[in-house]
PDB file of N, CA and C in Angstrom:
ATOM      1  N   MET A   1     111.728  95.073  86.056  1.00  0.00           N
ATOM      2  CA  MET A   1     112.671  94.452  87.474  1.00  0.00           C
ATOM      3  C   MET A   1     111.703  93.677  87.842  1.00  0.00           C
ATOM      4  N   THR A   2     112.101  92.423  88.309  1.00  0.00           N
ATOM      5  CA  THR A   2     111.466  91.872  89.292  1.00  0.00           C
ATOM      6  C   THR A   2     111.839  91.853  90.661  1.00  0.00           C
ATOM      7  N   VAL A   3     110.846  91.936  91.560  1.00  0.00           N
ATOM      8  CA  VAL A   3     110.876  92.346  93.067  1.00  0.00           C
ATOM      9  C   VAL A   3     109.694  91.256  93.444  1.00  0.00           C
ATOM     10  N   ARG A   4     110.399  90.436  94.740  1.00  0.00           N
ATOM     11  CA  ARG A   4     109.748  89.237  95.062  1.00  0.00           C
ATOM     12  C   ARG A   4     109.073  90.292  96.661  1.00  0.00           C
ATOM     13  N   CYS A   5     107.508  89.907  96.916  1.00  0.00           N
ATOM     14  CA  CYS A   5     107.293  90.475  98.118  1.00  0.00           C
ATOM     15  C   CYS A   5     107.656  88.976  99.008  1.00  0.00           C
ATOM     16  N   ARG A   6     107.976  89.878 100.476  1.00  0.00           N
ATOM     17  CA  ARG A   6     108.707  89.332 101.552  1.00  0.00           C
ATOM     18  C   ARG A   6     107.543  88.389 102.037  1.00  0.00           C
ATOM     19  N   MET A   7     106.381  88.571 101.674  1.00  0.00           N
ATOM     20  CA  MET A   7     105.626  88.120 102.475  1.00  0.00           C
ATOM     21  C   MET A   7     105.237  86.623 102.117  1.00  0.00           C
ATOM     22  N   CYS A   8     104.494  86.589 100.270  1.00  0.00           N
ATOM     23  CA  CYS A   8     103.767  85.684  99.769  1.00  0.00           C
ATOM     24  C   CYS A   8     104.782  85.186  98.844  1.00  0.00           C
ATOM     25  N   HIS A   9     105.926  85.842  98.828  1.00  0.00           N
ATOM     26  CA  HIS A   9     107.150  85.226  98.026  1.00  0.00           C
ATOM     27  C   HIS A   9     106.708  85.276  96.459  1.00  0.00           C
ATOM     28  N   ARG A  10     105.456  85.839  95.984  1.00  0.00           N
ATOM     29  CA  ARG A  10     105.039  85.935  94.624  1.00  0.00           C
ATOM     30  C   ARG A  10     106.253  86.972  94.162  1.00  0.00           C
ATOM     31  N   PRO A  11     106.978  86.550  92.988  1.00  0.00           N
ATOM     32  CA  PRO A  11     107.299  87.853  91.943  1.00  0.00           C
ATOM     33  C   PRO A  11     106.440  88.980  91.324  1.00  0.00           C
ATOM     34  N   GLN A  12     106.996  89.825  91.475  1.00  0.00           N
ATOM     35  CA  GLN A  12     105.983  91.428  90.999  1.00  0.00           C
ATOM     36  C   GLN A  12     106.937  92.011  89.948  1.00  0.00           C
ATOM     37  N   GLU A  13     106.150  91.956  88.648  1.00  0.00           N
ATOM     38  CA  GLU A  13     107.409  92.876  87.802  1.00  0.00           C
ATOM     39  C   GLU A  13     106.888  94.527  87.874  1.00  0.00           C
ATOM     40  N   VAL A  14     108.039  95.279  88.312  1.00  0.00           N
ATOM     41  CA  VAL A  14     107.942  96.555  88.397  1.00  0.00           C
ATOM     42  C   VAL A  14     109.030  96.906  87.256  1.00  0.00           C
ATOM     43  N   ALA A  15     108.186  97.981  86.070  1.00  0.00           N
ATOM     44  CA  ALA A  15     108.922  98.831  84.951  1.00  0.00           C
ATOM     45  C   ALA A  15     109.377 100.172  85.527  1.00  0.00           C
ATOM     46  N   VAL A  16     110.834  99.953  85.749  1.00  0.00           N
ATOM     47  CA  VAL A  16     111.531 100.976  86.386  1.00  0.00           C
ATOM     48  C   VAL A  16     112.943 101.059  85.578  1.00  0.00           C
ATOM     49  N   THR A  17     113.347 102.172  85.520  1.00  0.00           N
ATOM     50  CA  THR A  17     114.679 102.151  84.541  1.00  0.00           C
ATOM     51  C   THR A  17     115.955 102.480  85.648  1.00  0.00           C
ATOM     52  N   ALA A  18     116.917 101.910  85.126  1.00  0.00           N
ATOM     53  CA  ALA A  18     117.984 101.985  86.062  1.00  0.00           C
ATOM     54  C   ALA A  18     118.453 103.345  86.403  1.00  0.00           C
ATOM     55  N   ASP A  19     118.168 104.450  85.708  1.00  0.00           N
ATOM     56  CA  ASP A  19     118.400 105.574  86.430  1.00  0.00           C
ATOM     57  C   ASP A  19     117.247 106.134  87.407  1.00  0.00           C
ATOM     58  N   GLU A  20     115.715 105.163  87.296  1.00  0.00           N
ATOM     59  CA  GLU A  20     115.430 105.542  88.104  1.00  0.00           C
ATOM     60  C   GLU A  20     115.395 104.826  89.351  1.00  0.00           C
ATOM     61  N   TYR A  21     115.573 103.627  89.473  1.00  0.00           N
ATOM     62  CA  TYR A  21     116.267 102.402  90.683  1.00  0.00           C
ATOM     63  C   TYR A  21     117.709 103.489  91.056  1.00  0.00           C
ATOM     64  N   ARG A  22     118.096 103.752  90.596  1.00  0.00           N
ATOM     65  CA  ARG A  22     119.773 104.200  90.992  1.00  0.00           C
ATOM     66  C   ARG A  22     119.378 105.870  91.683  1.00  0.00           C
ATOM     67  N   ALA A  23     118.375 106.519  91.661  1.00  0.00           N
ATOM     68  CA  ALA A  23     118.004 107.829  91.977  1.00  0.00           C
ATOM     69  C   ALA A  23     117.399 107.274  93.114  1.00  0.00           C
ATOM     70  N   PHE A  24     116.728 106.530  93.521  1.00  0.00           N
ATOM     71  CA  PHE A  24     115.926 106.045  94.547  1.00  0.00           C
ATOM     72  C   PHE A  24     117.161 105.317  95.880  1.00  0.00           C
ATOM     73  N   VAL A  25     117.663 104.640  95.198  1.00  0.00           N
ATOM     74  CA  VAL A  25     118.910 103.991  96.062  1.00  0.00           C
ATOM     75  C   VAL A  25     119.806 105.040  96.750  1.00  0.00           C
ATOM     76  N   ASN A  26     119.767 105.752  95.657  1.00  0.00           N
ATOM     77  CA  ASN A  26     120.686 107.047  96.163  1.00  0.00           C
ATOM     78  C   ASN A  26     120.387 108.191  97.316  1.00  0.00           C
ATOM     79  N   GLY A  27     119.120 107.980  97.657  1.00  0.00           N
ATOM     80  CA  GLY A  27     118.476 108.887  98.516  1.00  0.00           C
ATOM     81  C   GLY A  27     117.205 110.121  97.646  1.00  0.00           C
ATOM     82  N   LYS A  28     117.325 109.685  96.538  1.00  0.00           N
ATOM     83  CA  LYS A  28     115.925 110.603  96.472  1.00  0.00           C
ATOM     84  C   LYS A  28     114.534 109.743  96.634  1.00  0.00           C
ATOM     85  N   LEU A  29     113.967 110.489  96.801  1.00  0.00           N
ATOM     86  CA  LEU A  29     112.469 109.952  97.706  1.00  0.00           C
ATOM     87  C   LEU A  29     111.387 109.353  96.113  1.00  0.00           C
ATOM     88  N   ILE A  30     110.908 108.411  96.574  1.00  0.00           N
ATOM     89  CA  ILE A  30     110.654 107.300  95.995  1.00  0.00           C
ATOM     90  C   ILE A  30     109.623 107.969  94.722  1.00  0.00           C
ATOM     91  N   GLN A  31     108.474 108.950  95.039  1.00  0.00           N
ATOM     92  CA  GLN A  31     107.533 109.406  94.436  1.00  0.00           C
ATOM     93  C   GLN A  31     108.387 110.488  93.427  1.00  0.00           C
ATOM     94  N   TYR A  32     109.261 110.910  93.814  1.00  0.00           N
ATOM     95  CA  TYR A  32     110.589 111.630  92.685  1.00  0.00           C
ATOM     96  C   TYR A  32     111.473 110.886  91.748  1.00  0.00           C
ATOM     97  N   ALA A  33     111.560 109.902  92.259  1.00  0.00           N
ATOM     98  CA  ALA A  33     112.591 109.216  91.776  1.00  0.00           C
ATOM     99  C   ALA A  33     111.811 107.948  90.649  1.00  0.00           C
ATOM    100  N   MET A  34     110.636 107.828  90.794  1.00  0.00           N
ATOM    101  CA  MET A  34     109.695 106.745  89.950  1.00  0.00           C
ATOM    102  C   MET A  34     108.477 107.498  89.518  1.00  0.00           C
ATOM    103  N   PRO A  35     108.183 108.395  89.192  1.00  0.00           N
ATOM    104  CA  PRO A  35     107.201 109.054  89.375  1.00  0.00           C
ATOM    105  C   PRO A  35     106.247 108.693  88.385  1.00  0.00           C
ATOM    106  N   GLU A  36     106.275 107.860  87.402  1.00  0.00           N
ATOM    107  CA  GLU A  36     105.442 107.370  86.607  1.00  0.00           C
ATOM    108  C   GLU A  36     104.718 105.986  86.915  1.00  0.00           C
ATOM    109  N   THR A  37     105.684 105.149  87.945  1.00  0.00           N
ATOM    110  CA  THR A  37     105.473 103.723  88.820  1.00  0.00           C
ATOM    111  C   THR A  37     104.357 104.201  89.864  1.00  0.00           C
ATOM    112  N   PRO A  38     103.386 103.379  89.267  1.00  0.00           N
ATOM    113  CA  PRO A  38     102.344 102.954  90.010  1.00  0.00           C
ATOM    114  C   PRO A  38     102.432 103.190  91.976  1.00  0.00           C
ATOM    115  N   LYS A  39     101.513 103.486  92.786  1.00  0.00           N
ATOM    116  CA  LYS A  39     102.035 103.893  94.267  1.00  0.00           C
ATOM    117  C   LYS A  39     102.232 102.133  94.687  1.00  0.00           C
ATOM    118  N   GLU A  40     101.493 101.345  94.006  1.00  0.00           N
ATOM    119  CA  GLU A  40     101.568  99.699  94.824  1.00  0.00           C
ATOM    120  C   GLU A  40     102.718  99.141  94.343  1.00  0.00           C
ATOM    121  N   GLN A  41     103.329  99.594  93.304  1.00  0.00           N
ATOM    122  CA  GLN A  41     104.496  98.969  93.071  1.00  0.00           C
ATOM    123  C   GLN A  41     105.416  99.724  93.934  1.00  0.00           C
ATOM    124  N   ARG A  42     105.677 101.030  93.658  1.00  0.00           N
ATOM    125  CA  ARG A  42     106.718 101.809  94.709  1.00  0.00           C
ATOM    126  C   ARG A  42     106.808 100.953  95.868  1.00  0.00           C
ATOM    127  N   GLU A  43     105.355 100.619  96.687  1.00  0.00           N
ATOM    128  CA  GLU A  43     105.704 100.014  98.069  1.00  0.00           C
ATOM    129  C   GLU A  43     106.188  99.215  97.915  1.00  0.00           C
ATOM    130  N   LEU A  44     106.538  97.823  96.882  1.00  0.00           N
ATOM    131  CA  LEU A  44     107.338  97.047  96.782  1.00  0.00           C
ATOM    132  C   LEU A  44     108.680  97.318  97.409  1.00  0.00           C
ATOM    133  N   PHE A  45     109.134  98.392  96.644  1.00  0.00           N
ATOM    134  CA  PHE A  45     110.629  98.970  96.953  1.00  0.00           C
ATOM    135  C   PHE A  45     111.057  99.568  98.755  1.00  0.00           C
ATOM    136  N   LEU A  46     109.709  99.950  98.924  1.00  0.00           N
ATOM    137  CA  LEU A  46     109.589 100.319 100.585  1.00  0.00           C
ATOM    138  C   LEU A  46     109.490  99.676 101.428  1.00  0.00           C
ATOM    139  N   SER A  47     108.484  98.588 101.421  1.00  0.00           N
ATOM    140  CA  SER A  47     108.319  97.882 102.457  1.00  0.00           C
ATOM    141  C   SER A  47     108.797  96.606 102.327  1.00  0.00           C
ATOM    142  N   GLY A  48     108.658  96.031 100.970  1.00  0.00           N
ATOM    143  CA  GLY A  48     109.198  94.759 100.589  1.00  0.00           C
ATOM    144  C   GLY A  48     107.643  93.742  99.771  1.00  0.00           C
ATOM    145  N   LEU A  49     106.125  94.390 100.372  1.00  0.00           N
ATOM    146  CA  LEU A  49     105.319  94.002 100.381  1.00  0.00           C
ATOM    147  C   LEU A  49     104.412  94.383  98.891  1.00  0.00           C
ATOM    148  N   CYS A  50     103.743  93.392  98.662  1.00  0.00           N
ATOM    149  CA  CYS A  50     103.023  92.977  97.167  1.00  0.00           C
ATOM    150  C   CYS A  50     101.554  94.436  97.607  1.00  0.00           C
ATOM    151  N   ASP A  51     100.926  94.590  97.107  1.00  0.00           N
ATOM    152  CA  ASP A  51      99.522  95.274  97.527  1.00  0.00           C
ATOM    153  C   ASP A  51      98.731  94.593  98.107  1.00  0.00           C
ATOM    154  N   GLU A  52      98.497  93.241  97.805  1.00  0.00           N
ATOM    155  CA  GLU A  52      97.523  91.997  98.326  1.00  0.00           C
ATOM    156  C   GLU A  52      98.329  92.234 100.221  1.00  0.00           C
ATOM    157  N   CYS A  53      99.311  91.854  99.708  1.00  0.00           N
ATOM    158  CA  CYS A  53      99.978  91.904 101.334  1.00  0.00           C
ATOM    159  C   CYS A  53      99.859  93.053 102.087  1.00  0.00           C
ATOM    160  N   PHE A  54     100.287  93.810 101.954  1.00  0.00           N
ATOM    161  CA  PHE A  54     100.536  95.441 102.320  1.00  0.00           C
ATOM    162  C   PHE A  54      99.311  95.548 102.843  1.00  0.00           C
ATOM    163  N   HIS A  55      97.777  95.386 102.192  1.00  0.00           N
ATOM    164  CA  HIS A  55      96.197  95.443 102.651  1.00  0.00           C
ATOM    165  C   HIS A  55      96.269  94.482 103.960  1.00  0.00           C
ATOM    166  N   LYS A  56      96.495  93.124 103.552  1.00  0.00           N
ATOM    167  CA  LYS A  56      96.517  92.538 105.101  1.00  0.00           C
ATOM    168  C   LYS A  56      97.045  92.918 106.124  1.00  0.00           C
ATOM    169  N   VAL A  57      98.058  93.361 105.742  1.00  0.00           N
ATOM    170  CA  VAL A  57      98.942  93.855 107.395  1.00  0.00           C
ATOM    171  C   VAL A  57      98.728  95.064 107.703  1.00  0.00           C
ATOM    172  N   CYS A  58      98.356  96.106 106.934  1.00  0.00           N
ATOM    173  CA  CYS A  58      98.165  97.060 107.569  1.00  0.00           C
ATOM    174  C   CYS A  58      96.370  97.751 107.413  1.00  0.00           C
ATOM    175  N   GLY A  59      95.702  96.841 106.451  1.00  0.00           N
ATOM    176  CA  GLY A  59      94.567  96.886 106.975  1.00  0.00           C
ATOM    177  C   GLY A  59      94.086  97.811 105.322  1.00  0.00           C
ATOM    178  N   PRO A  60      92.833  97.974 105.116  1.00  0.00           N
ATOM    179  CA  PRO A  60      92.355  98.953 103.334  1.00  0.00           C
ATOM    180  C   PRO A  60      92.885 100.597 103.813  1.00  0.00           C
ATOM    181  N   GLU A  61      93.093 101.075 102.645  1.00  0.00           N
ATOM    182  CA  GLU A  61      93.236 102.372 102.452  1.00  0.00           C
ATOM    183  C   GLU A  61      92.042 103.298 102.879  1.00  0.00           C
ATOM    184  N   GLU A  62      92.111 104.110 103.353  1.00  0.00           N
ATOM    185  CA  GLU A  62      91.067 105.003 103.769  1.00  0.00           C
ATOM    186  C   GLU A  62      91.048 106.231 102.736  1.00  0.00           C
ATOM    187  N   SER A  63      89.924 106.519 102.497  1.00  0.00           N
ATOM    188  CA  SER A  63      89.544 107.715 101.725  1.00  0.00           C
ATOM    189  C   SER A  63      89.786 109.075 101.897  1.00  0.00           C
ATOM    190  N   ASP A  64      89.925 109.697 101.058  1.00  0.00           N
ATOM    191  CA  ASP A  64      90.552 111.328 101.329  1.00  0.00           C
ATOM    192  C   ASP A  64      88.734 111.874 101.572  1.00  0.00           C
ATOM    193  N   ASP A  65      87.735 110.950 101.071  1.00  0.00           N
ATOM    194  CA  ASP A  65      86.456 111.895 100.943  1.00  0.00           C
ATOM    195  C   ASP A  65      85.709 112.154 102.477  1.00  0.00           C
ATOM    196  N   ASP A  66      86.027 111.822 103.427  1.00  0.00           N
ATOM    197  CA  ASP A  66      85.614 111.677 104.819  1.00  0.00           C
ATOM    198  C   ASP A  66      85.776 113.069 105.228  1.00  0.00           C
TER     199      ASP A  66
END
């Protein structure tokens, strides 16, 4: 499936099945609907932002090591 970032407008290829997408659209939490899809790609469905743009808007990801 091709998803376009709403900020930079670059197309991103996300490998999800029709069943996974349908489960998400029907209300299943995305991490359970698309468990094999990397979180950076799942974010496209949640915020509409690619990983690069997400970090520009939200800042760098914090480490759990602190």
